[in-house]
Amino acid sequence: MKSSGFVAAGVLAIGLSSVLAPAAAAQDFGSFGQYQPCSNQFRLPWEPDTPTKNVVLSPFGTADMHCASWHGVTEIYQIDPWGNKHRINRAQIVVPLPFFVWNPATF
């Protein structure tokens, strides 16, 4: 009987804490604004080295890439031939220039 009282008190405490807890406020990431075509800022790994172009590894090459930046954070996506958007993620490797990789998931 005593343990069922502890269980009931625990359930009540959890229930009240979820109701009375303040709403989670996610930090606003901000508006990236307008995405601009940026295919000219990228090159494929086997193309001649250009110090001002970032390397991207994508089955669609550097076609139809779009970029937007906000507070030093850059978002990149690529449109495939069927009109699907694929995120281009920065690889977590150490190289002189950023290395970007195509993500097969669409959004």
PDB file of N, CA and C in Angstrom:
ATOM      1  N   MET A   1       0.817  -1.189   0.000  1.00  0.00           N
ATOM      2  CA  MET A   1       0.000   0.000   0.000  1.00  0.00           C
ATOM      3  C   MET A   1       0.862   1.255   0.000  1.00  0.00           C
ATOM      4  N   LYS A   2       1.960   1.169   0.752  1.00  0.00           N
ATOM      5  CA  LYS A   2       2.853   2.314   0.835  1.00  0.00           C
ATOM      6  C   LYS A   2       3.507   2.595  -0.520  1.00  0.00           C
ATOM      7  N   SER A   3       3.897   1.547  -1.251  1.00  0.00           N
ATOM      8  CA  SER A   3       4.539   1.754  -2.551  1.00  0.00           C
ATOM      9  C   SER A   3       3.560   2.322  -3.572  1.00  0.00           C
ATOM     10  N   SER A   4       2.293   1.958  -3.506  1.00  0.00           N
ATOM     11  CA  SER A   4       1.326   2.524  -4.449  1.00  0.00           C
ATOM     12  C   SER A   4       1.121   4.008  -4.176  1.00  0.00           C
ATOM     13  N   GLY A   5       1.280   4.430  -2.916  1.00  0.00           N
ATOM     14  CA  GLY A   5       1.196   5.854  -2.583  1.00  0.00           C
ATOM     15  C   GLY A   5       2.364   6.623  -3.185  1.00  0.00           C
ATOM     16  N   PHE A   6       3.561   6.005  -3.155  1.00  0.00           N
ATOM     17  CA  PHE A   6       4.725   6.644  -3.768  1.00  0.00           C
ATOM     18  C   PHE A   6       4.556   6.744  -5.283  1.00  0.00           C
ATOM     19  N   VAL A   7       4.019   5.702  -5.878  1.00  0.00           N
ATOM     20  CA  VAL A   7       3.792   5.705  -7.328  1.00  0.00           C
ATOM     21  C   VAL A   7       2.789   6.784  -7.693  1.00  0.00           C
ATOM     22  N   ALA A   8       1.703   6.876  -6.939  1.00  0.00           N
ATOM     23  CA  ALA A   8       0.680   7.892  -7.212  1.00  0.00           C
ATOM     24  C   ALA A   8       1.259   9.293  -7.047  1.00  0.00           C
ATOM     25  N   ALA A   9       2.072   9.493  -6.014  1.00  0.00           N
ATOM     26  CA  ALA A   9       2.696  10.801  -5.794  1.00  0.00           C
ATOM     27  C   ALA A   9       3.661  11.136  -6.933  1.00  0.00           C
ATOM     28  N   GLY A  10       4.399  10.128  -7.400  1.00  0.00           N
ATOM     29  CA  GLY A  10       5.322  10.353  -8.520  1.00  0.00           C
ATOM     30  C   GLY A  10       4.589  10.716  -9.797  1.00  0.00           C
ATOM     31  N   VAL A  11       3.507  10.002 -10.081  1.00  0.00           N
ATOM     32  CA  VAL A  11       2.717  10.296 -11.282  1.00  0.00           C
ATOM     33  C   VAL A  11       2.128  11.692 -11.190  1.00  0.00           C
ATOM     34  N   LEU A  12       1.622  12.058 -10.027  1.00  0.00           N
ATOM     35  CA  LEU A  12       1.057  13.389  -9.831  1.00  0.00           C
ATOM     36  C   LEU A  12       2.127  14.465 -10.014  1.00  0.00           C
ATOM     37  N   ALA A  13       3.313  14.237  -9.464  1.00  0.00           N
ATOM     38  CA  ALA A  13       4.401  15.215  -9.592  1.00  0.00           C
ATOM     39  C   ALA A  13       4.817  15.390 -11.046  1.00  0.00           C
ATOM     40  N   ILE A  14       4.928  14.289 -11.771  1.00  0.00           N
ATOM     41  CA  ILE A  14       5.309  14.377 -13.189  1.00  0.00           C
ATOM     42  C   ILE A  14       4.221  15.074 -13.987  1.00  0.00           C
ATOM     43  N   GLY A  15       2.979  14.737 -13.697  1.00  0.00           N
ATOM     44  CA  GLY A  15       1.869  15.370 -14.405  1.00  0.00           C
ATOM     45  C   GLY A  15       1.812  16.862 -14.166  1.00  0.00           C
ATOM     46  N   LEU A  16       1.964  17.276 -12.908  1.00  0.00           N
ATOM     47  CA  LEU A  16       1.934  18.699 -12.597  1.00  0.00           C
ATOM     48  C   LEU A  16       3.135  19.431 -13.179  1.00  0.00           C
ATOM     49  N   SER A  17       4.294  18.801 -13.153  1.00  0.00           N
ATOM     50  CA  SER A  17       5.477  19.480 -13.690  1.00  0.00           C
ATOM     51  C   SER A  17       5.360  19.691 -15.193  1.00  0.00           C
ATOM     52  N   SER A  18       4.727  18.762 -15.885  1.00  0.00           N
ATOM     53  CA  SER A  18       4.583  18.950 -17.331  1.00  0.00           C
ATOM     54  C   SER A  18       3.547  20.013 -17.647  1.00  0.00           C
ATOM     55  N   VAL A  19       2.534  20.164 -16.795  1.00  0.00           N
ATOM     56  CA  VAL A  19       1.503  21.178 -17.020  1.00  0.00           C
ATOM     57  C   VAL A  19       1.998  22.552 -16.600  1.00  0.00           C
ATOM     58  N   LEU A  20       2.698  22.619 -15.479  1.00  0.00           N
ATOM     59  CA  LEU A  20       3.122  23.901 -14.930  1.00  0.00           C
ATOM     60  C   LEU A  20       4.465  24.391 -15.467  1.00  0.00           C
ATOM     61  N   ALA A  21       5.165  23.561 -16.184  1.00  0.00           N
ATOM     62  CA  ALA A  21       6.476  23.961 -16.716  1.00  0.00           C
ATOM     63  C   ALA A  21       6.295  25.033 -17.785  1.00  0.00           C
ATOM     64  N   PRO A  22       7.213  25.982 -17.843  1.00  0.00           N
ATOM     65  CA  PRO A  22       7.105  26.996 -18.892  1.00  0.00           C
ATOM     66  C   PRO A  22       7.304  26.364 -20.263  1.00  0.00           C
ATOM     67  N   ALA A  23       6.682  26.964 -21.239  1.00  0.00           N
ATOM     68  CA  ALA A  23       6.807  26.452 -22.603  1.00  0.00           C
ATOM     69  C   ALA A  23       8.248  26.585 -23.058  1.00  0.00           C
ATOM     70  N   ALA A  24       8.722  25.592 -23.746  1.00  0.00           N
ATOM     71  CA  ALA A  24      10.089  25.632 -24.266  1.00  0.00           C
ATOM     72  C   ALA A  24      10.156  26.684 -25.357  1.00  0.00           C
ATOM     73  N   ALA A  25      11.124  27.542 -25.244  1.00  0.00           N
ATOM     74  CA  ALA A  25      11.284  28.600 -26.232  1.00  0.00           C
ATOM     75  C   ALA A  25      12.550  28.324 -27.022  1.00  0.00           C
ATOM     76  N   ALA A  26      12.391  27.808 -28.191  1.00  0.00           N
ATOM     77  CA  ALA A  26      13.550  27.558 -29.048  1.00  0.00           C
ATOM     78  C   ALA A  26      14.101  28.888 -29.522  1.00  0.00           C
ATOM     79  N   GLN A  27      15.398  28.973 -29.570  1.00  0.00           N
ATOM     80  CA  GLN A  27      16.018  30.202 -30.032  1.00  0.00           C
ATOM     81  C   GLN A  27      15.729  30.385 -31.509  1.00  0.00           C
ATOM     82  N   ASP A  28      15.297  31.578 -31.840  1.00  0.00           N
ATOM     83  CA  ASP A  28      14.976  31.868 -33.231  1.00  0.00           C
ATOM     84  C   ASP A  28      16.255  31.847 -34.046  1.00  0.00           C
ATOM     85  N   PHE A  29      16.274  31.006 -35.059  1.00  0.00           N
ATOM     86  CA  PHE A  29      17.460  30.900 -35.899  1.00  0.00           C
ATOM     87  C   PHE A  29      17.538  32.075 -36.859  1.00  0.00           C
ATOM     88  N   GLY A  30      16.457  32.777 -37.024  1.00  0.00           N
ATOM     89  CA  GLY A  30      16.450  33.927 -37.914  1.00  0.00           C
ATOM     90  C   GLY A  30      16.038  33.543 -39.309  1.00  0.00           C
ATOM     91  N   SER A  31      15.803  34.546 -40.069  1.00  0.00           N
ATOM     92  CA  SER A  31      15.382  34.325 -41.445  1.00  0.00           C
ATOM     93  C   SER A  31      16.607  34.394 -42.348  1.00  0.00           C
ATOM     94  N   PHE A  32      16.793  33.357 -43.115  1.00  0.00           N
ATOM     95  CA  PHE A  32      17.912  33.376 -44.051  1.00  0.00           C
ATOM     96  C   PHE A  32      17.620  34.306 -45.213  1.00  0.00           C
ATOM     97  N   GLY A  33      16.408  34.781 -45.313  1.00  0.00           N
ATOM     98  CA  GLY A  33      16.075  35.684 -46.401  1.00  0.00           C
ATOM     99  C   GLY A  33      15.996  34.947 -47.716  1.00  0.00           C
ATOM    100  N   GLN A  34      16.430  35.592 -48.742  1.00  0.00           N
ATOM    101  CA  GLN A  34      16.348  35.026 -50.079  1.00  0.00           C
ATOM    102  C   GLN A  34      17.559  34.156 -50.376  1.00  0.00           C
ATOM    103  N   TYR A  35      17.292  32.980 -50.885  1.00  0.00           N
ATOM    104  CA  TYR A  35      18.371  32.128 -51.372  1.00  0.00           C
ATOM    105  C   TYR A  35      18.777  32.633 -52.749  1.00  0.00           C
ATOM    106  N   GLN A  36      20.058  32.672 -52.986  1.00  0.00           N
ATOM    107  CA  GLN A  36      20.597  33.151 -54.253  1.00  0.00           C
ATOM    108  C   GLN A  36      21.319  32.016 -54.963  1.00  0.00           C
ATOM    109  N   PRO A  37      21.284  31.977 -56.289  1.00  0.00           N
ATOM    110  CA  PRO A  37      22.080  30.973 -57.010  1.00  0.00           C
ATOM    111  C   PRO A  37      23.559  31.151 -56.661  1.00  0.00           C
ATOM    112  N   CYS A  38      24.241  30.042 -56.393  1.00  0.00           N
ATOM    113  CA  CYS A  38      25.651  30.143 -55.986  1.00  0.00           C
ATOM    114  C   CYS A  38      26.498  29.026 -56.589  1.00  0.00           C
ATOM    115  N   SER A  39      26.071  28.464 -57.698  1.00  0.00           N
ATOM    116  CA  SER A  39      26.834  27.382 -58.335  1.00  0.00           C
ATOM    117  C   SER A  39      28.250  27.818 -58.680  1.00  0.00           C
ATOM    118  N   ASN A  40      28.431  29.111 -58.950  1.00  0.00           N
ATOM    119  CA  ASN A  40      29.754  29.607 -59.339  1.00  0.00           C
ATOM    120  C   ASN A  40      30.750  29.621 -58.179  1.00  0.00           C
ATOM    121  N   GLN A  41      30.297  29.364 -56.954  1.00  0.00           N
ATOM    122  CA  GLN A  41      31.187  29.348 -55.794  1.00  0.00           C
ATOM    123  C   GLN A  41      31.730  27.959 -55.484  1.00  0.00           C
ATOM    124  N   PHE A  42      31.367  26.965 -56.298  1.00  0.00           N
ATOM    125  CA  PHE A  42      31.746  25.582 -56.015  1.00  0.00           C
ATOM    126  C   PHE A  42      32.430  24.938 -57.210  1.00  0.00           C
ATOM    127  N   ARG A  43      33.216  23.911 -56.907  1.00  0.00           N
ATOM    128  CA  ARG A  43      33.853  23.103 -57.944  1.00  0.00           C
ATOM    129  C   ARG A  43      33.827  21.653 -57.491  1.00  0.00           C
ATOM    130  N   LEU A  44      33.985  20.744 -58.431  1.00  0.00           N
ATOM    131  CA  LEU A  44      34.045  19.317 -58.117  1.00  0.00           C
ATOM    132  C   LEU A  44      35.470  18.945 -57.716  1.00  0.00           C
ATOM    133  N   PRO A  45      35.653  17.872 -56.948  1.00  0.00           N
ATOM    134  CA  PRO A  45      36.993  17.519 -56.455  1.00  0.00           C
ATOM    135  C   PRO A  45      38.021  17.290 -57.556  1.00  0.00           C
ATOM    136  N   TRP A  46      37.603  16.812 -58.718  1.00  0.00           N
ATOM    137  CA  TRP A  46      38.556  16.498 -59.786  1.00  0.00           C
ATOM    138  C   TRP A  46      38.781  17.665 -60.742  1.00  0.00           C
ATOM    139  N   GLU A  47      38.118  18.786 -60.526  1.00  0.00           N
ATOM    140  CA  GLU A  47      38.358  19.964 -61.357  1.00  0.00           C
ATOM    141  C   GLU A  47      39.616  20.677 -60.873  1.00  0.00           C
ATOM    142  N   PRO A  48      40.243  21.478 -61.738  1.00  0.00           N
ATOM    143  CA  PRO A  48      41.465  22.187 -61.340  1.00  0.00           C
ATOM    144  C   PRO A  48      41.242  23.022 -60.074  1.00  0.00           C
ATOM    145  N   ASP A  49      42.259  23.048 -59.246  1.00  0.00           N
ATOM    146  CA  ASP A  49      42.173  23.761 -57.977  1.00  0.00           C
ATOM    147  C   ASP A  49      42.050  25.257 -58.201  1.00  0.00           C
ATOM    148  N   THR A  50      41.058  25.849 -57.565  1.00  0.00           N
ATOM    149  CA  THR A  50      40.858  27.289 -57.575  1.00  0.00           C
ATOM    150  C   THR A  50      40.734  27.722 -56.122  1.00  0.00           C
ATOM    151  N   PRO A  51      41.594  28.609 -55.647  1.00  0.00           N
ATOM    152  CA  PRO A  51      41.590  28.939 -54.223  1.00  0.00           C
ATOM    153  C   PRO A  51      40.319  29.628 -53.731  1.00  0.00           C
ATOM    154  N   THR A  52      39.503  30.148 -54.624  1.00  0.00           N
ATOM    155  CA  THR A  52      38.300  30.848 -54.185  1.00  0.00           C
ATOM    156  C   THR A  52      37.038  30.006 -54.278  1.00  0.00           C
ATOM    157  N   LYS A  53      37.145  28.768 -54.741  1.00  0.00           N
ATOM    158  CA  LYS A  53      35.960  27.919 -54.882  1.00  0.00           C
ATOM    159  C   LYS A  53      35.998  26.782 -53.874  1.00  0.00           C
ATOM    160  N   ASN A  54      34.839  26.499 -53.285  1.00  0.00           N
ATOM    161  CA  ASN A  54      34.701  25.391 -52.340  1.00  0.00           C
ATOM    162  C   ASN A  54      34.453  24.100 -53.100  1.00  0.00           C
ATOM    163  N   VAL A  55      34.925  23.004 -52.546  1.00  0.00           N
ATOM    164  CA  VAL A  55      34.743  21.692 -53.170  1.00  0.00           C
ATOM    165  C   VAL A  55      33.399  21.122 -52.732  1.00  0.00           C
ATOM    166  N   VAL A  56      32.644  20.592 -53.692  1.00  0.00           N
ATOM    167  CA  VAL A  56      31.375  19.939 -53.387  1.00  0.00           C
ATOM    168  C   VAL A  56      31.364  18.570 -54.048  1.00  0.00           C
ATOM    169  N   LEU A  57      30.852  17.594 -53.337  1.00  0.00           N
ATOM    170  CA  LEU A  57      30.728  16.243 -53.859  1.00  0.00           C
ATOM    171  C   LEU A  57      29.236  15.954 -54.000  1.00  0.00           C
ATOM    172  N   SER A  58      28.759  15.957 -55.251  1.00  0.00           N
ATOM    173  CA  SER A  58      27.340  15.788 -55.520  1.00  0.00           C
ATOM    174  C   SER A  58      27.160  15.037 -56.833  1.00  0.00           C
ATOM    175  N   PRO A  59      26.145  14.159 -56.927  1.00  0.00           N
ATOM    176  CA  PRO A  59      25.909  13.458 -58.191  1.00  0.00           C
ATOM    177  C   PRO A  59      25.400  14.383 -59.290  1.00  0.00           C
ATOM    178  N   PHE A  60      24.994  15.596 -58.919  1.00  0.00           N
ATOM    179  CA  PHE A  60      24.483  16.551 -59.899  1.00  0.00           C
ATOM    180  C   PHE A  60      25.485  17.660 -60.188  1.00  0.00           C
ATOM    181  N   GLY A  61      26.725  17.457 -59.804  1.00  0.00           N
ATOM    182  CA  GLY A  61      27.759  18.451 -60.068  1.00  0.00           C
ATOM    183  C   GLY A  61      27.523  19.715 -59.261  1.00  0.00           C
ATOM    184  N   THR A  62      27.712  20.845 -59.905  1.00  0.00           N
ATOM    185  CA  THR A  62      27.515  22.126 -59.233  1.00  0.00           C
ATOM    186  C   THR A  62      26.279  22.845 -59.756  1.00  0.00           C
ATOM    187  N   ALA A  63      25.422  22.146 -60.479  1.00  0.00           N
ATOM    188  CA  ALA A  63      24.236  22.772 -61.076  1.00  0.00           C
ATOM    189  C   ALA A  63      23.165  23.059 -60.028  1.00  0.00           C
ATOM    190  N   ASP A  64      22.453  24.139 -60.227  1.00  0.00           N
ATOM    191  CA  ASP A  64      21.272  24.510 -59.427  1.00  0.00           C
ATOM    192  C   ASP A  64      21.524  24.527 -57.926  1.00  0.00           C
ATOM    193  N   MET A  65      22.617  25.135 -57.509  1.00  0.00           N
ATOM    194  CA  MET A  65      22.907  25.282 -56.080  1.00  0.00           C
ATOM    195  C   MET A  65      22.458  26.669 -55.636  1.00  0.00           C
ATOM    196  N   HIS A  66      21.899  26.735 -54.422  1.00  0.00           N
ATOM    197  CA  HIS A  66      21.381  27.991 -53.885  1.00  0.00           C
ATOM    198  C   HIS A  66      21.881  28.164 -52.460  1.00  0.00           C
ATOM    199  N   CYS A  67      22.308  29.391 -52.127  1.00  0.00           N
ATOM    200  CA  CYS A  67      22.894  29.672 -50.820  1.00  0.00           C
ATOM    201  C   CYS A  67      22.195  30.861 -50.165  1.00  0.00           C
ATOM    202  N   ALA A  68      22.206  30.860 -48.843  1.00  0.00           N
ATOM    203  CA  ALA A  68      21.772  32.001 -48.045  1.00  0.00           C
ATOM    204  C   ALA A  68      22.593  31.989 -46.767  1.00  0.00           C
ATOM    205  N   SER A  69      22.930  33.175 -46.274  1.00  0.00           N
ATOM    206  CA  SER A  69      23.720  33.278 -45.045  1.00  0.00           C
ATOM    207  C   SER A  69      23.026  34.193 -44.057  1.00  0.00           C
ATOM    208  N   TRP A  70      23.235  33.890 -42.771  1.00  0.00           N
ATOM    209  CA  TRP A  70      22.693  34.710 -41.699  1.00  0.00           C
ATOM    210  C   TRP A  70      23.622  34.584 -40.510  1.00  0.00           C
ATOM    211  N   HIS A  71      24.215  35.673 -40.104  1.00  0.00           N
ATOM    212  CA  HIS A  71      25.127  35.717 -38.954  1.00  0.00           C
ATOM    213  C   HIS A  71      26.249  34.692 -39.055  1.00  0.00           C
ATOM    214  N   GLY A  72      26.838  34.575 -40.205  1.00  0.00           N
ATOM    215  CA  GLY A  72      27.974  33.680 -40.387  1.00  0.00           C
ATOM    216  C   GLY A  72      27.625  32.229 -40.615  1.00  0.00           C
ATOM    217  N   VAL A  73      26.348  31.897 -40.634  1.00  0.00           N
ATOM    218  CA  VAL A  73      25.911  30.525 -40.894  1.00  0.00           C
ATOM    219  C   VAL A  73      25.357  30.475 -42.310  1.00  0.00           C
ATOM    220  N   THR A  74      25.851  29.545 -43.093  1.00  0.00           N
ATOM    221  CA  THR A  74      25.418  29.431 -44.484  1.00  0.00           C
ATOM    222  C   THR A  74      24.590  28.172 -44.673  1.00  0.00           C
ATOM    223  N   GLU A  75      23.476  28.319 -45.343  1.00  0.00           N
ATOM    224  CA  GLU A  75      22.615  27.195 -45.718  1.00  0.00           C
ATOM    225  C   GLU A  75      22.737  27.022 -47.223  1.00  0.00           C
ATOM    226  N   ILE A  76      22.886  25.785 -47.664  1.00  0.00           N
ATOM    227  CA  ILE A  76      23.026  25.501 -49.093  1.00  0.00           C
ATOM    228  C   ILE A  76      22.107  24.344 -49.444  1.00  0.00           C
ATOM    229  N   TYR A  77      21.425  24.470 -50.567  1.00  0.00           N
ATOM    230  CA  TYR A  77      20.681  23.333 -51.088  1.00  0.00           C
ATOM    231  C   TYR A  77      20.882  23.257 -52.591  1.00  0.00           C
ATOM    232  N   GLN A  78      20.579  22.086 -53.147  1.00  0.00           N
ATOM    233  CA  GLN A  78      20.719  21.850 -54.581  1.00  0.00           C
ATOM    234  C   GLN A  78      19.417  21.240 -55.090  1.00  0.00           C
ATOM    235  N   ILE A  79      18.984  21.686 -56.236  1.00  0.00           N
ATOM    236  CA  ILE A  79      17.764  21.157 -56.845  1.00  0.00           C
ATOM    237  C   ILE A  79      18.162  20.097 -57.861  1.00  0.00           C
ATOM    238  N   ASP A  80      17.601  18.895 -57.698  1.00  0.00           N
ATOM    239  CA  ASP A  80      17.914  17.812 -58.634  1.00  0.00           C
ATOM    240  C   ASP A  80      17.078  17.966 -59.913  1.00  0.00           C
ATOM    241  N   PRO A  81      17.341  17.169 -60.943  1.00  0.00           N
ATOM    242  CA  PRO A  81      16.607  17.307 -62.210  1.00  0.00           C
ATOM    243  C   PRO A  81      15.096  17.112 -62.078  1.00  0.00           C
ATOM    244  N   TRP A  82      14.620  16.515 -60.986  1.00  0.00           N
ATOM    245  CA  TRP A  82      13.192  16.278 -60.784  1.00  0.00           C
ATOM    246  C   TRP A  82      12.553  17.351 -59.923  1.00  0.00           C
ATOM    247  N   GLY A  83      13.319  18.368 -59.550  1.00  0.00           N
ATOM    248  CA  GLY A  83      12.785  19.478 -58.775  1.00  0.00           C
ATOM    249  C   GLY A  83      12.838  19.309 -57.268  1.00  0.00           C
ATOM    250  N   ASN A  84      13.467  18.249 -56.769  1.00  0.00           N
ATOM    251  CA  ASN A  84      13.594  18.030 -55.320  1.00  0.00           C
ATOM    252  C   ASN A  84      14.780  18.811 -54.771  1.00  0.00           C
ATOM    253  N   LYS A  85      14.623  19.345 -53.572  1.00  0.00           N
ATOM    254  CA  LYS A  85      15.712  20.071 -52.916  1.00  0.00           C
ATOM    255  C   LYS A  85      16.493  19.112 -52.025  1.00  0.00           C
ATOM    256  N   HIS A  86      17.810  19.192 -52.118  1.00  0.00           N
ATOM    257  CA  HIS A  86      18.709  18.387 -51.284  1.00  0.00           C
ATOM    258  C   HIS A  86      19.649  19.332 -50.548  1.00  0.00           C
ATOM    259  N   ARG A  87      19.786  19.118 -49.268  1.00  0.00           N
ATOM    260  CA  ARG A  87      20.694  19.938 -48.478  1.00  0.00           C
ATOM    261  C   ARG A  87      22.139  19.585 -48.829  1.00  0.00           C
ATOM    262  N   ILE A  88      22.977  20.583 -48.864  1.00  0.00           N
ATOM    263  CA  ILE A  88      24.418  20.404 -49.046  1.00  0.00           C
ATOM    264  C   ILE A  88      25.047  20.693 -47.683  1.00  0.00           C
ATOM    265  N   ASN A  89      25.660  19.675 -47.087  1.00  0.00           N
ATOM    266  CA  ASN A  89      26.229  19.794 -45.738  1.00  0.00           C
ATOM    267  C   ASN A  89      27.737  19.971 -45.791  1.00  0.00           C
ATOM    268  N   ARG A  90      28.242  20.740 -44.862  1.00  0.00           N
ATOM    269  CA  ARG A  90      29.688  20.905 -44.757  1.00  0.00           C
ATOM    270  C   ARG A  90      30.268  19.664 -44.092  1.00  0.00           C
ATOM    271  N   ALA A  91      31.272  19.083 -44.717  1.00  0.00           N
ATOM    272  CA  ALA A  91      31.920  17.884 -44.174  1.00  0.00           C
ATOM    273  C   ALA A  91      32.763  18.266 -42.962  1.00  0.00           C
ATOM    274  N   GLN A  92      32.881  17.341 -42.040  1.00  0.00           N
ATOM    275  CA  GLN A  92      33.632  17.576 -40.809  1.00  0.00           C
ATOM    276  C   GLN A  92      35.066  17.068 -40.942  1.00  0.00           C
ATOM    277  N   ILE A  93      35.779  17.582 -41.919  1.00  0.00           N
ATOM    278  CA  ILE A  93      37.182  17.232 -42.102  1.00  0.00           C
ATOM    279  C   ILE A  93      37.990  18.517 -42.163  1.00  0.00           C
ATOM    280  N   VAL A  94      39.255  18.424 -41.873  1.00  0.00           N
ATOM    281  CA  VAL A  94      40.111  19.603 -41.868  1.00  0.00           C
ATOM    282  C   VAL A  94      40.828  19.703 -43.208  1.00  0.00           C
ATOM    283  N   VAL A  95      40.461  20.698 -43.969  1.00  0.00           N
ATOM    284  CA  VAL A  95      41.113  21.011 -45.241  1.00  0.00           C
ATOM    285  C   VAL A  95      41.204  22.531 -45.332  1.00  0.00           C
ATOM    286  N   PRO A  96      42.055  23.062 -46.203  1.00  0.00           N
ATOM    287  CA  PRO A  96      42.185  24.524 -46.289  1.00  0.00           C
ATOM    288  C   PRO A  96      40.876  25.234 -46.627  1.00  0.00           C
ATOM    289  N   LEU A  97      40.096  24.663 -47.528  1.00  0.00           N
ATOM    290  CA  LEU A  97      38.796  25.234 -47.873  1.00  0.00           C
ATOM    291  C   LEU A  97      37.698  24.288 -47.401  1.00  0.00           C
ATOM    292  N   PRO A  98      36.518  24.813 -47.127  1.00  0.00           N
ATOM    293  CA  PRO A  98      35.413  23.928 -46.734  1.00  0.00           C
ATOM    294  C   PRO A  98      35.108  22.899 -47.815  1.00  0.00           C
ATOM    295  N   PHE A  99      34.720  21.725 -47.386  1.00  0.00           N
ATOM    296  CA  PHE A  99      34.375  20.621 -48.278  1.00  0.00           C
ATOM    297  C   PHE A  99      32.910  20.289 -48.019  1.00  0.00           C
ATOM    298  N   PHE A 100      32.085  20.333 -49.053  1.00  0.00           N
ATOM    299  CA  PHE A 100      30.652  20.140 -48.905  1.00  0.00           C
ATOM    300  C   PHE A 100      30.218  18.833 -49.558  1.00  0.00           C
ATOM    301  N   VAL A 101      29.203  18.192 -48.952  1.00  0.00           N
ATOM    302  CA  VAL A 101      28.732  16.889 -49.412  1.00  0.00           C
ATOM    303  C   VAL A 101      27.219  16.942 -49.597  1.00  0.00           C
ATOM    304  N   TRP A 102      26.752  16.359 -50.691  1.00  0.00           N
ATOM    305  CA  TRP A 102      25.335  16.289 -51.018  1.00  0.00           C
ATOM    306  C   TRP A 102      24.626  15.324 -50.081  1.00  0.00           C
ATOM    307  N   ASN A 103      23.463  15.724 -49.590  1.00  0.00           N
ATOM    308  CA  ASN A 103      22.654  14.882 -48.710  1.00  0.00           C
ATOM    309  C   ASN A 103      21.508  14.306 -49.540  1.00  0.00           C
ATOM    310  N   PRO A 104      21.364  12.979 -49.631  1.00  0.00           N
ATOM    311  CA  PRO A 104      20.323  12.397 -50.482  1.00  0.00           C
ATOM    312  C   PRO A 104      18.900  12.649 -49.990  1.00  0.00           C
ATOM    313  N   ALA A 105      18.721  13.015 -48.724  1.00  0.00           N
ATOM    314  CA  ALA A 105      17.375  13.292 -48.216  1.00  0.00           C
ATOM    315  C   ALA A 105      16.845  14.576 -48.845  1.00  0.00           C
ATOM    316  N   THR A 106      15.561  14.581 -49.142  1.00  0.00           N
ATOM    317  CA  THR A 106      14.945  15.773 -49.727  1.00  0.00           C
ATOM    318  C   THR A 106      14.139  16.501 -48.669  1.00  0.00           C
ATOM    319  N   PHE A 107      13.857  17.773 -48.941  1.00  0.00           N
ATOM    320  CA  PHE A 107      12.982  18.531 -48.040  1.00  0.00           C
ATOM    321  C   PHE A 107      12.088  19.431 -48.849  1.00  0.00           C
TER     322      PHE A 107
END
